[in-house]
Amino acid sequence: MEEKKKSLIYTGTGDKGTTSLVGGQRVSKAHQRIESYGSVDELNSFIGLLIDALNDEKDKNFLHFVQHKLFTIGSYLATDQERTELRVESKVTAESIGRIEKEIDRIDGALPRQTHFVLPGGGRTASLAHVCRTVCRRAERQIYRLAETDPVEDNVLKFINRLSDYLFVLARKECILHNGEEIIWDYTCS
């Protein structure tokens, strides 16, 4: 009896520089849609690293929610809606955006007023949050590039934008928690 494979991790179908979107359409691996959801996937991976480094269970639980939403956004971006109907699971809701805004307000409400530009750093978790923030901003730029040629729902763009704001306030919180103070940009340094 022939042994059946557990799963197909490698298929060989991408060996010539193309990949499949949701619905089966093949596109170049350099297609802007792939760049967009690839950046979201990279962000999700870095957020996993951040979660592993955090101690605050509330922040960890919220970031797990974020990871699920980023997977939703990846699914959304991997669907060419002109050829394939979007699944309801691939939608980003106003409630999800509201949840991020609520977390921003919760964390920011406990922080001192920001009066200067801050530099990334101030401890491992603060630095990881800043890495996530910058990857999030890149993902946002990639999605906006996609939106120049293909329709992208406002809620997807809003979610990613709010997420970078959340990651900024989380980085500030973690810096103050572990470093005692923020690292302020000194424009006179040369």
Protein backbone atom coordinates (compact mmCIF):
# COMPACT_ATOMS: atom_id res chain seq x y z
CA MET A 1 0.00 0.00 0.00
CA GLU A 2 1.31 3.44 -0.97
CA GLU A 3 1.72 5.87 1.90
CA LYS A 4 -0.35 9.03 1.58
CA LYS A 5 1.29 12.40 2.25
CA LYS A 6 0.07 14.29 5.30
CA SER A 7 -0.10 17.61 3.41
CA LEU A 8 1.33 19.30 0.37
CA ILE A 9 3.83 21.83 1.66
CA TYR A 10 5.59 22.02 -1.69
CA THR A 11 3.75 21.74 -4.96
CA GLY A 12 6.27 23.08 -7.45
CA THR A 13 3.63 25.38 -8.95
CA GLY A 14 5.51 28.51 -7.86
CA ASP A 15 8.86 27.50 -9.30
CA LYS A 16 8.45 29.76 -12.32
CA GLY A 17 7.74 32.94 -10.36
CA THR A 18 3.96 32.83 -10.09
CA THR A 19 1.57 32.10 -7.26
CA SER A 20 -2.18 31.67 -6.82
CA LEU A 21 -4.62 34.16 -5.40
CA VAL A 22 -7.82 33.13 -3.61
CA GLY A 23 -9.93 31.74 -6.45
CA GLY A 24 -7.00 30.21 -8.31
CA GLN A 25 -5.87 33.11 -10.51
CA ARG A 26 -2.09 32.96 -11.05
CA VAL A 27 -0.06 36.16 -10.77
CA SER A 28 3.60 37.10 -10.59
CA LYS A 29 5.18 36.76 -7.16
CA ALA A 30 6.20 40.41 -7.66
CA HIS A 31 2.56 41.53 -8.18
CA GLN A 32 1.52 44.41 -5.93
CA ARG A 33 -1.21 42.27 -4.38
CA ILE A 34 1.45 39.75 -3.27
CA GLU A 35 3.68 42.56 -1.97
CA SER A 36 0.73 43.84 0.06
CA TYR A 37 -0.29 40.64 1.78
CA GLY A 38 3.34 39.54 2.08
CA SER A 39 4.07 42.66 4.12
CA VAL A 40 1.01 41.98 6.27
CA ASP A 41 2.26 38.41 6.83
CA GLU A 42 5.70 39.74 7.81
CA LEU A 43 4.03 42.14 10.26
CA ASN A 44 2.02 39.28 11.74
CA SER A 45 5.23 37.30 12.30
CA PHE A 46 6.92 40.22 14.06
CA ILE A 47 3.83 40.69 16.23
CA GLY A 48 4.16 37.04 17.25
CA LEU A 49 7.72 37.81 18.37
CA LEU A 50 6.49 40.86 20.29
CA ILE A 51 3.79 38.82 22.03
CA ASP A 52 6.41 36.31 23.17
CA ALA A 53 8.45 39.13 24.75
CA LEU A 54 5.60 40.97 26.53
CA ASN A 55 4.57 40.37 30.14
CA ASP A 56 1.22 42.20 30.19
CA GLU A 57 -1.56 39.67 29.51
CA LYS A 58 -3.98 42.40 28.38
CA ASP A 59 -1.53 43.52 25.70
CA LYS A 60 -0.81 39.92 24.68
CA ASN A 61 -4.52 39.11 24.35
CA PHE A 62 -5.13 42.23 22.28
CA LEU A 63 -2.23 41.41 19.99
CA HIS A 64 -3.63 37.90 19.48
CA PHE A 65 -6.84 39.59 18.28
CA VAL A 66 -4.69 41.74 15.97
CA GLN A 67 -2.99 38.64 14.55
CA HIS A 68 -6.36 37.15 13.63
CA LYS A 69 -7.40 40.42 11.98
CA LEU A 70 -4.14 40.61 10.04
CA PHE A 71 -4.83 37.11 8.73
CA THR A 72 -8.27 38.40 7.69
CA ILE A 73 -6.62 41.32 5.88
CA GLY A 74 -4.19 38.94 4.19
CA SER A 75 -7.14 36.93 2.92
CA TYR A 76 -8.83 40.11 1.74
CA LEU A 77 -5.71 41.24 -0.13
CA ALA A 78 -5.21 37.79 -1.66
CA THR A 79 -8.65 37.99 -3.30
CA ASP A 80 -9.02 39.71 -6.65
CA GLN A 81 -12.63 40.78 -6.19
CA GLU A 82 -13.12 41.38 -9.90
CA ARG A 83 -12.72 37.61 -10.41
CA THR A 84 -13.62 36.04 -7.06
CA GLU A 85 -16.34 36.91 -4.57
CA LEU A 86 -14.96 38.06 -1.22
CA ARG A 87 -15.76 35.78 1.70
CA VAL A 88 -17.43 37.35 4.71
CA GLU A 89 -14.50 36.12 6.85
CA SER A 90 -12.22 38.40 4.81
CA LYS A 91 -13.99 41.63 5.78
CA VAL A 92 -12.68 44.17 8.28
CA THR A 93 -15.44 45.76 10.35
CA ALA A 94 -15.78 49.18 11.94
CA GLU A 95 -15.97 47.36 15.28
CA SER A 96 -12.44 46.02 14.77
CA ILE A 97 -11.17 49.53 14.12
CA GLY A 98 -13.02 50.76 17.21
CA ARG A 99 -11.37 48.07 19.28
CA ILE A 100 -7.91 49.32 18.25
CA GLU A 101 -8.89 52.91 19.01
CA LYS A 102 -10.09 51.86 22.46
CA GLU A 103 -6.73 50.18 23.16
CA ILE A 104 -4.84 53.25 21.93
CA ASP A 105 -6.87 55.41 24.32
CA ARG A 106 -6.34 52.96 27.21
CA ILE A 107 -2.56 52.91 26.85
CA ASP A 108 -2.13 56.56 25.86
CA GLY A 109 -4.27 57.68 28.81
CA ALA A 110 -1.66 56.25 31.19
CA LEU A 111 1.32 57.81 29.41
CA PRO A 112 2.83 61.25 29.94
CA ARG A 113 1.97 63.80 27.27
CA GLN A 114 4.34 63.51 24.33
CA THR A 115 6.27 66.74 23.84
CA HIS A 116 9.25 65.57 21.74
CA PHE A 117 10.06 63.09 19.02
CA VAL A 118 11.13 59.77 20.50
CA LEU A 119 13.74 57.39 19.17
CA PRO A 120 13.13 53.64 18.86
CA GLY A 121 14.64 51.67 21.72
CA GLY A 122 14.47 51.66 25.48
CA GLY A 123 14.25 47.92 26.05
CA ARG A 124 13.58 44.75 24.13
CA THR A 125 9.78 44.99 24.05
CA ALA A 126 9.82 48.70 23.17
CA SER A 127 12.25 48.02 20.35
CA LEU A 128 10.16 45.11 19.07
CA ALA A 129 7.03 47.28 19.12
CA HIS A 130 8.89 49.90 17.07
CA VAL A 131 9.97 47.24 14.55
CA CYS A 132 6.33 46.14 14.29
CA ARG A 133 5.27 49.78 13.85
CA THR A 134 7.69 50.37 10.98
CA VAL A 135 6.76 47.10 9.25
CA CYS A 136 3.10 48.10 9.69
CA ARG A 137 3.78 51.45 8.01
CA ARG A 138 5.48 49.66 5.11
CA ALA A 139 2.51 47.30 4.78
CA GLU A 140 0.25 50.36 4.72
CA ARG A 141 2.31 51.88 1.89
CA GLN A 142 2.14 48.60 -0.05
CA ILE A 143 -1.63 48.45 0.36
CA TYR A 144 -1.95 52.06 -0.81
CA ARG A 145 0.10 51.15 -3.90
CA LEU A 146 -2.36 48.33 -4.57
CA ALA A 147 -5.25 50.77 -4.09
CA GLU A 148 -3.86 52.87 -6.96
CA THR A 149 -4.88 50.10 -9.39
CA ASP A 150 -7.39 47.93 -7.50
CA PRO A 151 -10.20 48.80 -5.12
CA VAL A 152 -9.32 48.46 -1.42
CA GLU A 153 -11.98 48.99 1.25
CA ASP A 154 -11.47 51.94 3.58
CA ASN A 155 -11.73 49.72 6.67
CA VAL A 156 -8.66 47.74 5.61
CA LEU A 157 -6.64 50.94 5.29
CA LYS A 158 -8.03 52.37 8.53
CA PHE A 159 -7.24 49.19 10.47
CA ILE A 160 -3.62 49.16 9.33
CA ASN A 161 -3.24 52.89 10.02
CA ARG A 162 -4.69 52.59 13.54
CA LEU A 163 -2.56 49.54 14.20
CA SER A 164 0.65 51.51 13.58
CA ASP A 165 -0.62 54.15 16.03
CA TYR A 166 -1.34 51.41 18.59
CA LEU A 167 2.14 49.96 18.16
CA PHE A 168 3.62 53.43 18.73
CA VAL A 169 1.83 53.95 22.06
CA LEU A 170 2.66 50.38 23.09
CA ALA A 171 6.34 51.09 22.35
CA ARG A 172 6.17 54.25 24.48
CA LYS A 173 4.55 52.32 27.32
CA GLU A 174 7.16 49.55 27.20
CA CYS A 175 10.04 52.05 26.99
CA ILE A 176 8.87 53.92 30.09
CA LEU A 177 8.16 50.65 31.90
CA HIS A 178 11.59 49.13 31.27
CA ASN A 179 13.81 52.16 30.67
CA GLY A 180 12.24 54.63 33.10
CA GLU A 181 12.01 57.31 30.45
CA GLU A 182 11.77 57.74 26.73
CA ILE A 183 14.73 58.33 24.47
CA ILE A 184 14.21 61.85 23.14
CA TRP A 185 15.56 62.88 19.74
CA ASP A 186 18.31 65.44 20.17
CA TYR A 187 18.55 67.43 16.96
CA THR A 188 21.90 68.89 18.07
CA CYS A 189 23.66 65.51 17.98
CA SER A 190 26.07 65.25 15.09
